[in-house]
C-alpha cells in the first residue's frame, strides 16, 4: 500500500466519522408527538364495568379499573430479597382489571375479567403467578368470564354504612 492509498483511506475514514458525528448532532424529534389516546376499557370491559359498578354500589363499594399489580404488592426489601429486581419486573407491567374498595379505599376484592386468551399456556402461567402472589399477600381475587354470580356471593357479607 503506497502513501496515496493510505492518505485516501484516512480521508475516507475521517469523512465517515464526520458524517456519523453530524448525524449524532441532528435534533431528535419530540417523541410526545408519537402518541395517541386509547380507551381505558375495551368494549367488553366497559359493559362488565357498568354491571359491576351497580353491584358494588349496592354494597357501598367503589370500583377502580386497571389497577397496576405493583400498586397492590411490592417485593420484600433488597436487604432481604436478592431477587428484588426480578420480582419487581414480574409485577411492574401487569394490572388487575377491577378492584372493589370500601369508602376508605381499602381493597375488598379484586376481579379479573377473563376471556378465551386465558386458555393459552403463556396466560395460564401468568395467571397462576398473579393468583399466587395476590393470595400470599392476602387479597381475594375472583375470576369471571362476565358473570356477576361469584362476585355477588363474595360481596354478600360486605355492607358499608
N, C-alpha and C. Protein backbone atom coordinates (compact mmCIF):
# COMPACT_ATOMS: atom_id res chain seq x y z
N UNK A 1 0.85 -1.17 0.00
CA UNK A 1 0.00 0.00 0.00
C UNK A 1 0.90 1.23 0.00
N UNK A 2 0.66 2.13 -0.95
CA UNK A 2 1.51 3.31 -1.04
C UNK A 2 0.92 4.45 -0.22
N UNK A 3 1.64 5.56 -0.17
CA UNK A 3 1.22 6.69 0.68
C UNK A 3 -0.06 7.33 0.16
N UNK A 4 -0.32 7.31 -1.13
CA UNK A 4 -1.57 7.86 -1.67
C UNK A 4 -2.76 7.02 -1.21
N UNK A 5 -2.58 5.71 -1.19
CA UNK A 5 -3.66 4.83 -0.74
C UNK A 5 -3.96 5.05 0.75
N UNK A 6 -2.89 5.21 1.52
CA UNK A 6 -3.07 5.44 2.96
C UNK A 6 -3.75 6.78 3.19
N UNK A 7 -3.34 7.80 2.45
CA UNK A 7 -3.96 9.11 2.58
C UNK A 7 -5.44 9.05 2.20
N UNK A 8 -5.74 8.36 1.12
CA UNK A 8 -7.13 8.22 0.68
C UNK A 8 -7.96 7.45 1.71
N UNK A 9 -7.38 6.41 2.27
CA UNK A 9 -8.06 5.62 3.30
C UNK A 9 -8.32 6.47 4.55
N UNK A 10 -7.34 7.24 4.99
CA UNK A 10 -7.51 8.11 6.15
C UNK A 10 -8.56 9.18 5.88
N UNK A 11 -8.55 9.73 4.67
CA UNK A 11 -9.54 10.75 4.30
C UNK A 11 -10.94 10.14 4.32
N UNK A 12 -11.10 8.94 3.78
CA UNK A 12 -12.40 8.27 3.75
C UNK A 12 -12.87 7.97 5.18
N UNK A 13 -11.97 7.52 6.04
CA UNK A 13 -12.32 7.23 7.43
C UNK A 13 -12.73 8.52 8.14
N UNK A 14 -12.01 9.59 7.90
CA UNK A 14 -12.34 10.87 8.51
C UNK A 14 -13.71 11.35 8.02
N UNK A 15 -13.99 11.16 6.74
CA UNK A 15 -15.28 11.58 6.19
C UNK A 15 -16.42 10.78 6.83
N UNK A 16 -16.23 9.48 6.98
CA UNK A 16 -17.26 8.64 7.60
C UNK A 16 -17.48 9.08 9.05
N UNK A 17 -16.41 9.31 9.81
CA UNK A 17 -16.53 9.75 11.19
C UNK A 17 -17.22 11.11 11.27
N UNK A 18 -16.91 12.01 10.31
CA UNK A 18 -17.55 13.32 10.30
C UNK A 18 -19.05 13.20 10.04
N UNK A 19 -19.44 12.33 9.12
CA UNK A 19 -20.86 12.12 8.81
C UNK A 19 -21.57 11.52 10.03
N UNK A 20 -20.94 10.57 10.69
CA UNK A 20 -21.53 9.98 11.90
C UNK A 20 -21.69 11.05 12.97
N UNK A 21 -20.70 11.91 13.11
CA UNK A 21 -20.76 12.99 14.10
C UNK A 21 -21.91 13.95 13.77
N UNK A 22 -22.04 14.29 12.48
CA UNK A 22 -23.13 15.18 12.07
C UNK A 22 -24.50 14.56 12.34
N UNK A 23 -24.66 13.29 12.02
CA UNK A 23 -25.93 12.61 12.26
C UNK A 23 -26.27 12.57 13.74
N UNK A 24 -25.27 12.42 14.58
CA UNK A 24 -25.49 12.41 16.02
C UNK A 24 -25.93 13.76 16.55
N UNK A 25 -25.61 14.84 15.84
CA UNK A 25 -25.96 16.19 16.28
C UNK A 25 -27.33 16.63 15.77
N UNK A 26 -27.93 15.78 14.92
CA UNK A 26 -29.25 16.10 14.40
C UNK A 26 -30.24 16.21 15.54
N UNK A 27 -31.10 17.22 15.51
CA UNK A 27 -32.09 17.31 16.59
C UNK A 27 -33.06 16.13 16.53
N UNK A 28 -33.33 15.57 17.68
CA UNK A 28 -34.26 14.45 17.75
C UNK A 28 -35.69 15.01 17.77
N UNK A 29 -36.62 14.28 17.19
CA UNK A 29 -38.00 14.78 17.20
C UNK A 29 -38.58 14.73 18.60
N UNK A 30 -39.61 15.50 18.82
CA UNK A 30 -40.34 15.50 20.08
C UNK A 30 -41.18 14.23 20.11
N UNK A 31 -40.74 13.23 20.89
CA UNK A 31 -41.44 11.95 20.86
C UNK A 31 -42.85 12.03 21.44
N UNK A 32 -43.17 13.13 22.12
CA UNK A 32 -44.54 13.26 22.61
C UNK A 32 -45.53 13.39 21.47
N UNK A 33 -45.04 13.64 20.26
CA UNK A 33 -45.91 13.71 19.08
C UNK A 33 -46.27 12.33 18.55
N UNK A 34 -45.69 11.27 19.11
CA UNK A 34 -45.90 9.92 18.59
C UNK A 34 -46.84 9.08 19.47
N UNK A 35 -47.78 9.73 20.12
CA UNK A 35 -48.74 9.03 20.96
C UNK A 35 -50.15 9.37 20.52
N UNK A 36 -51.08 8.48 20.84
CA UNK A 36 -52.49 8.72 20.59
C UNK A 36 -53.29 8.17 21.76
N UNK A 37 -54.43 8.76 22.05
CA UNK A 37 -55.23 8.26 23.18
C UNK A 37 -55.91 6.95 22.83
N UNK A 38 -56.12 6.14 23.85
CA UNK A 38 -56.88 4.89 23.69
C UNK A 38 -57.86 4.81 24.86
N UNK A 39 -58.98 4.13 24.67
CA UNK A 39 -59.91 3.96 25.79
C UNK A 39 -59.26 3.13 26.89
N UNK A 40 -59.57 3.46 28.13
CA UNK A 40 -59.03 2.69 29.25
C UNK A 40 -59.58 1.27 29.24
N UNK A 41 -60.86 1.13 28.90
CA UNK A 41 -61.50 -0.17 28.89
C UNK A 41 -61.90 -0.57 27.48
N UNK A 42 -61.79 -1.86 27.21
CA UNK A 42 -62.32 -2.37 25.95
C UNK A 42 -63.85 -2.31 26.04
N UNK A 43 -64.52 -2.52 24.95
CA UNK A 43 -65.99 -2.51 24.96
C UNK A 43 -66.53 -3.57 25.92
N UNK A 44 -65.94 -4.75 25.88
CA UNK A 44 -66.38 -5.84 26.78
C UNK A 44 -66.14 -5.46 28.24
N UNK A 45 -64.98 -4.89 28.54
CA UNK A 45 -64.67 -4.46 29.90
C UNK A 45 -65.61 -3.34 30.35
N UNK A 46 -65.92 -2.43 29.45
CA UNK A 46 -66.82 -1.32 29.79
C UNK A 46 -68.21 -1.84 30.13
N UNK A 47 -68.72 -2.77 29.32
CA UNK A 47 -70.03 -3.35 29.60
C UNK A 47 -70.05 -4.07 30.94
N UNK A 48 -68.99 -4.81 31.23
CA UNK A 48 -68.89 -5.51 32.52
C UNK A 48 -68.77 -4.50 33.66
N UNK A 49 -67.99 -3.46 33.45
CA UNK A 49 -67.78 -2.42 34.46
C UNK A 49 -69.11 -1.81 34.89
N UNK A 50 -69.98 -1.53 33.94
CA UNK A 50 -71.28 -0.92 34.26
C UNK A 50 -72.07 -1.83 35.18
N UNK A 51 -72.10 -3.13 34.88
CA UNK A 51 -72.83 -4.08 35.72
C UNK A 51 -72.14 -4.25 37.07
N UNK A 52 -70.81 -4.30 37.06
CA UNK A 52 -70.05 -4.47 38.30
C UNK A 52 -70.22 -3.25 39.20
N UNK A 53 -70.22 -2.07 38.61
CA UNK A 53 -70.39 -0.84 39.39
C UNK A 53 -71.73 -0.84 40.11
N UNK A 54 -72.79 -1.27 39.42
CA UNK A 54 -74.11 -1.33 40.05
C UNK A 54 -74.10 -2.29 41.24
N UNK A 55 -73.49 -3.46 41.06
CA UNK A 55 -73.41 -4.43 42.15
C UNK A 55 -72.58 -3.88 43.31
N UNK A 56 -71.48 -3.22 42.99
CA UNK A 56 -70.62 -2.67 44.03
C UNK A 56 -71.32 -1.58 44.81
N UNK A 57 -72.05 -0.72 44.10
CA UNK A 57 -72.75 0.38 44.77
C UNK A 57 -73.80 -0.13 45.75
N UNK A 58 -74.42 -1.27 45.45
CA UNK A 58 -75.39 -1.86 46.37
C UNK A 58 -74.75 -2.23 47.71
N UNK A 59 -73.44 -2.44 47.70
CA UNK A 59 -72.70 -2.81 48.91
C UNK A 59 -71.85 -1.65 49.43
N UNK A 60 -72.08 -0.46 48.88
CA UNK A 60 -71.34 0.72 49.33
C UNK A 60 -69.88 0.71 48.91
N UNK A 61 -69.57 0.00 47.85
CA UNK A 61 -68.19 -0.10 47.38
C UNK A 61 -67.99 0.71 46.11
N UNK A 62 -66.78 1.07 45.86
CA UNK A 62 -66.42 1.76 44.63
C UNK A 62 -65.55 0.84 43.78
N UNK A 63 -65.52 1.11 42.48
CA UNK A 63 -64.77 0.26 41.56
C UNK A 63 -63.61 1.05 40.98
N UNK A 64 -62.42 0.48 41.09
CA UNK A 64 -61.24 1.02 40.43
C UNK A 64 -60.94 0.11 39.23
N UNK A 65 -60.49 0.71 38.13
CA UNK A 65 -60.18 -0.10 36.95
C UNK A 65 -58.69 -0.07 36.66
N UNK A 66 -58.21 -1.17 36.06
CA UNK A 66 -56.82 -1.29 35.60
C UNK A 66 -55.83 -0.90 36.69
N UNK A 67 -55.92 -1.58 37.81
CA UNK A 67 -55.02 -1.31 38.94
C UNK A 67 -53.71 -2.06 38.70
N UNK A 68 -52.62 -1.33 38.72
CA UNK A 68 -51.32 -1.94 38.47
C UNK A 68 -50.96 -2.89 39.61
N UNK A 69 -50.52 -4.08 39.25
CA UNK A 69 -50.17 -5.08 40.25
C UNK A 69 -49.11 -4.55 41.21
N UNK A 70 -48.16 -3.77 40.70
CA UNK A 70 -47.10 -3.22 41.55
C UNK A 70 -47.64 -2.17 42.53
N UNK A 71 -48.89 -1.72 42.34
CA UNK A 71 -49.50 -0.83 43.32
C UNK A 71 -50.26 -1.61 44.40
N UNK A 72 -50.38 -2.92 44.20
CA UNK A 72 -51.03 -3.78 45.19
C UNK A 72 -50.04 -4.59 46.00
N UNK A 73 -48.91 -4.93 45.38
CA UNK A 73 -47.89 -5.74 46.04
C UNK A 73 -46.52 -5.16 45.73
N UNK A 74 -45.57 -5.40 46.61
CA UNK A 74 -44.21 -4.96 46.37
C UNK A 74 -43.25 -6.05 46.85
N UNK A 75 -42.14 -6.21 46.17
CA UNK A 75 -41.18 -7.23 46.63
C UNK A 75 -40.63 -6.88 48.01
N UNK A 76 -40.24 -7.91 48.74
CA UNK A 76 -39.55 -7.66 50.01
C UNK A 76 -38.34 -6.78 49.73
N UNK A 77 -37.88 -6.02 50.73
CA UNK A 77 -36.74 -5.13 50.52
C UNK A 77 -35.49 -5.86 50.01
N UNK A 78 -34.66 -5.12 49.30
CA UNK A 78 -33.45 -5.70 48.72
C UNK A 78 -32.56 -6.35 49.77
N UNK A 79 -32.58 -5.83 50.98
CA UNK A 79 -31.75 -6.40 52.05
C UNK A 79 -32.18 -7.82 52.41
N UNK A 80 -33.44 -8.15 52.15
CA UNK A 80 -33.97 -9.49 52.45
C UNK A 80 -34.21 -10.32 51.19
N UNK A 81 -34.06 -9.70 50.03
CA UNK A 81 -34.51 -10.33 48.80
C UNK A 81 -33.48 -10.13 47.68
N UNK A 82 -32.62 -11.11 47.45
CA UNK A 82 -31.62 -10.95 46.38
C UNK A 82 -32.26 -10.96 44.99
N UNK A 83 -33.55 -11.28 44.90
CA UNK A 83 -34.26 -11.32 43.62
C UNK A 83 -35.20 -10.13 43.46
N UNK A 84 -34.90 -9.03 44.16
CA UNK A 84 -35.80 -7.88 44.17
C UNK A 84 -36.14 -7.41 42.75
N UNK A 85 -35.14 -7.21 41.92
CA UNK A 85 -35.39 -6.68 40.57
C UNK A 85 -36.21 -7.67 39.74
N UNK A 86 -35.90 -8.95 39.83
CA UNK A 86 -36.68 -9.96 39.11
C UNK A 86 -38.13 -9.94 39.58
N UNK A 87 -38.31 -9.85 40.89
CA UNK A 87 -39.67 -9.79 41.45
C UNK A 87 -40.41 -8.55 40.94
N UNK A 88 -39.76 -7.40 41.01
CA UNK A 88 -40.41 -6.17 40.57
C UNK A 88 -40.73 -6.21 39.09
N UNK A 89 -39.82 -6.74 38.29
CA UNK A 89 -40.06 -6.84 36.85
C UNK A 89 -41.26 -7.72 36.53
N UNK A 90 -41.54 -8.70 37.37
CA UNK A 90 -42.68 -9.60 37.14
C UNK A 90 -44.02 -8.93 37.43
N UNK A 91 -44.03 -7.85 38.22
CA UNK A 91 -45.30 -7.21 38.57
C UNK A 91 -45.47 -5.81 37.99
N UNK A 92 -44.41 -5.17 37.57
CA UNK A 92 -44.49 -3.75 37.22
C UNK A 92 -45.39 -3.45 36.03
N UNK A 93 -45.52 -4.35 35.08
CA UNK A 93 -46.29 -4.06 33.87
C UNK A 93 -47.60 -4.83 33.81
N UNK A 94 -47.97 -5.49 34.89
CA UNK A 94 -49.24 -6.24 34.91
C UNK A 94 -50.29 -5.41 35.64
N UNK A 95 -51.54 -5.64 35.31
CA UNK A 95 -52.61 -4.96 36.03
C UNK A 95 -53.74 -5.93 36.31
N UNK A 96 -54.56 -5.54 37.26
CA UNK A 96 -55.78 -6.27 37.59
C UNK A 96 -56.92 -5.46 37.00
N UNK A 97 -57.87 -6.15 36.38
CA UNK A 97 -58.93 -5.43 35.66
C UNK A 97 -59.75 -4.51 36.57
N UNK A 98 -60.20 -5.04 37.71
CA UNK A 98 -61.06 -4.25 38.60
C UNK A 98 -60.71 -4.52 40.06
N UNK A 99 -60.82 -3.48 40.86
CA UNK A 99 -60.67 -3.61 42.31
C UNK A 99 -61.88 -2.96 42.96
N UNK A 100 -62.51 -3.67 43.87
CA UNK A 100 -63.62 -3.11 44.62
C UNK A 100 -63.07 -2.68 45.98
N UNK A 101 -63.39 -1.46 46.35
CA UNK A 101 -62.84 -0.89 47.58
C UNK A 101 -63.94 -0.30 48.45
N UNK A 102 -63.68 -0.31 49.76
CA UNK A 102 -64.62 0.30 50.70
C UNK A 102 -64.51 1.82 50.61
N UNK A 103 -65.34 2.55 51.35
CA UNK A 103 -65.32 4.01 51.25
C UNK A 103 -63.97 4.66 51.60
N UNK A 104 -63.14 3.96 52.37
CA UNK A 104 -61.82 4.49 52.72
C UNK A 104 -60.76 4.12 51.68
N UNK A 105 -61.14 3.38 50.67
CA UNK A 105 -60.20 3.00 49.62
C UNK A 105 -59.49 1.68 49.87
N UNK A 106 -59.88 0.95 50.91
CA UNK A 106 -59.27 -0.34 51.18
C UNK A 106 -59.84 -1.39 50.22
N UNK A 107 -58.97 -2.17 49.63
CA UNK A 107 -59.40 -3.18 48.67
C UNK A 107 -60.16 -4.30 49.39
N UNK A 108 -61.36 -4.58 48.89
CA UNK A 108 -62.19 -5.65 49.43
C UNK A 108 -62.01 -6.91 48.59
N UNK A 109 -62.04 -6.75 47.28
CA UNK A 109 -61.89 -7.88 46.37
C UNK A 109 -61.37 -7.38 45.03
N UNK A 110 -60.60 -8.24 44.38
CA UNK A 110 -60.08 -7.95 43.04
C UNK A 110 -60.80 -8.83 42.04
N UNK A 111 -61.00 -8.31 40.84
CA UNK A 111 -61.75 -9.05 39.82
C UNK A 111 -60.98 -9.03 38.51
N UNK A 112 -60.81 -10.21 37.94
CA UNK A 112 -60.22 -10.35 36.62
C UNK A 112 -61.31 -10.82 35.66
N UNK A 113 -61.50 -10.09 34.58
CA UNK A 113 -62.45 -10.46 33.55
C UNK A 113 -61.69 -11.27 32.50
N UNK A 114 -61.85 -12.57 32.56
CA UNK A 114 -61.13 -13.46 31.66
C UNK A 114 -61.86 -13.62 30.33
N UNK A 115 -61.12 -14.08 29.35
CA UNK A 115 -61.69 -14.44 28.05
C UNK A 115 -60.93 -15.65 27.53
N UNK A 116 -61.15 -16.00 26.28
CA UNK A 116 -60.55 -17.23 25.74
C UNK A 116 -59.02 -17.17 25.71
N UNK A 117 -58.43 -15.99 25.72
CA UNK A 117 -56.96 -15.91 25.71
C UNK A 117 -56.35 -16.49 26.98
N UNK A 118 -57.14 -16.59 28.03
CA UNK A 118 -56.62 -17.11 29.30
C UNK A 118 -56.41 -18.62 29.27
N UNK A 119 -56.77 -19.26 28.16
CA UNK A 119 -56.52 -20.69 28.00
C UNK A 119 -55.17 -20.95 27.34
N UNK A 120 -54.51 -19.89 26.85
CA UNK A 120 -53.19 -20.05 26.24
C UNK A 120 -52.17 -20.38 27.33
N UNK A 121 -51.18 -21.23 27.00
CA UNK A 121 -50.18 -21.61 28.01
C UNK A 121 -49.47 -20.43 28.67
N UNK A 122 -49.12 -19.40 27.89
CA UNK A 122 -48.43 -18.25 28.48
C UNK A 122 -49.35 -17.49 29.44
N UNK A 123 -50.64 -17.40 29.14
CA UNK A 123 -51.59 -16.73 30.02
C UNK A 123 -51.88 -17.56 31.26
N UNK A 124 -51.94 -18.88 31.09
CA UNK A 124 -52.14 -19.75 32.26
C UNK A 124 -51.00 -19.55 33.24
N UNK A 125 -49.78 -19.53 32.74
CA UNK A 125 -48.61 -19.32 33.60
C UNK A 125 -48.67 -17.95 34.27
N UNK A 126 -49.02 -16.92 33.51
CA UNK A 126 -49.13 -15.56 34.05
C UNK A 126 -50.21 -15.52 35.12
N UNK A 127 -51.38 -16.10 34.82
CA UNK A 127 -52.49 -16.08 35.77
C UNK A 127 -52.14 -16.82 37.06
N UNK A 128 -51.47 -17.95 36.95
CA UNK A 128 -51.07 -18.70 38.14
C UNK A 128 -50.11 -17.88 39.00
N UNK A 129 -49.18 -17.19 38.37
CA UNK A 129 -48.25 -16.33 39.10
C UNK A 129 -49.01 -15.23 39.84
N UNK A 130 -49.87 -14.51 39.12
CA UNK A 130 -50.63 -13.41 39.70
C UNK A 130 -51.52 -13.92 40.84
N UNK A 131 -52.24 -15.02 40.59
CA UNK A 131 -53.12 -15.59 41.61
C UNK A 131 -52.34 -15.91 42.89
N UNK A 132 -51.19 -16.54 42.74
CA UNK A 132 -50.39 -16.96 43.89
C UNK A 132 -49.86 -15.76 44.66
N UNK A 133 -49.31 -14.78 43.95
CA UNK A 133 -48.77 -13.59 44.63
C UNK A 133 -49.88 -12.87 45.40
N UNK A 134 -51.02 -12.67 44.75
CA UNK A 134 -52.12 -11.96 45.43
C UNK A 134 -52.62 -12.76 46.63
N UNK A 135 -52.75 -14.06 46.48
CA UNK A 135 -53.19 -14.91 47.60
C UNK A 135 -52.21 -14.80 48.77
N UNK A 136 -50.92 -14.91 48.48
CA UNK A 136 -49.91 -14.85 49.55
C UNK A 136 -49.86 -13.48 50.22
N UNK A 137 -50.32 -12.44 49.51
CA UNK A 137 -50.36 -11.09 50.08
C UNK A 137 -51.70 -10.78 50.74
N UNK A 138 -52.60 -11.77 50.76
CA UNK A 138 -53.85 -11.61 51.49
C UNK A 138 -55.03 -11.06 50.70
N UNK A 139 -54.91 -10.96 49.40
CA UNK A 139 -56.02 -10.46 48.58
C UNK A 139 -56.94 -11.58 48.14
N UNK A 140 -58.19 -11.23 47.93
CA UNK A 140 -59.15 -12.14 47.32
C UNK A 140 -59.27 -11.74 45.86
N UNK A 141 -58.97 -12.67 44.97
CA UNK A 141 -59.07 -12.43 43.53
C UNK A 141 -60.14 -13.35 42.97
N UNK A 142 -61.10 -12.76 42.31
CA UNK A 142 -62.16 -13.53 41.66
C UNK A 142 -61.99 -13.42 40.15
N UNK A 143 -62.11 -14.55 39.49
CA UNK A 143 -62.03 -14.59 38.03
C UNK A 143 -63.42 -14.88 37.48
N UNK A 144 -63.77 -14.18 36.42
CA UNK A 144 -65.08 -14.37 35.80
C UNK A 144 -64.97 -14.18 34.30
N UNK A 145 -65.87 -14.83 33.60
CA UNK A 145 -65.98 -14.62 32.16
C UNK A 145 -67.08 -13.61 31.86
N UNK A 146 -67.54 -12.91 32.88
CA UNK A 146 -68.55 -11.88 32.70
C UNK A 146 -69.75 -12.05 33.60
N UNK A 147 -69.81 -13.17 34.32
CA UNK A 147 -70.92 -13.39 35.25
C UNK A 147 -70.62 -12.66 36.56
N UNK A 148 -71.69 -12.19 37.18
CA UNK A 148 -71.53 -11.50 38.46
C UNK A 148 -71.82 -12.40 39.65
N UNK A 149 -72.29 -13.63 39.40
CA UNK A 149 -72.71 -14.53 40.50
C UNK A 149 -71.65 -14.68 41.58
N UNK A 150 -70.45 -15.06 41.19
CA UNK A 150 -69.40 -15.32 42.17
C UNK A 150 -69.02 -14.03 42.90
N UNK A 151 -69.12 -12.91 42.22
CA UNK A 151 -68.80 -11.62 42.85
C UNK A 151 -69.89 -11.25 43.85
N UNK A 152 -71.16 -11.40 43.43
CA UNK A 152 -72.28 -11.13 44.34
C UNK A 152 -72.19 -12.00 45.59
N UNK A 153 -71.85 -13.27 45.39
CA UNK A 153 -71.71 -14.19 46.52
C UNK A 153 -70.62 -13.71 47.48
N UNK A 154 -69.50 -13.30 46.95
CA UNK A 154 -68.39 -12.79 47.77
C UNK A 154 -68.78 -11.50 48.48
N UNK A 155 -69.51 -10.64 47.79
CA UNK A 155 -69.88 -9.35 48.37
C UNK A 155 -71.03 -9.46 49.37
N UNK A 156 -71.72 -10.59 49.38
CA UNK A 156 -72.86 -10.76 50.27
C UNK A 156 -72.58 -10.39 51.71
N UNK A 157 -71.33 -10.61 52.15
CA UNK A 157 -71.01 -10.31 53.55
C UNK A 157 -70.57 -8.87 53.77
N UNK A 158 -70.38 -8.10 52.71
CA UNK A 158 -69.89 -6.73 52.86
C UNK A 158 -71.02 -5.73 52.72
N UNK A 159 -71.27 -4.98 53.77
CA UNK A 159 -72.22 -3.89 53.73
C UNK A 159 -71.59 -2.75 54.51
N UNK A 160 -71.41 -1.61 53.85
CA UNK A 160 -70.77 -0.45 54.48
C UNK A 160 -71.81 0.65 54.63
N UNK A 161 -71.84 1.25 55.75
CA UNK A 161 -72.80 2.34 56.01
C UNK A 161 -72.12 3.67 55.80
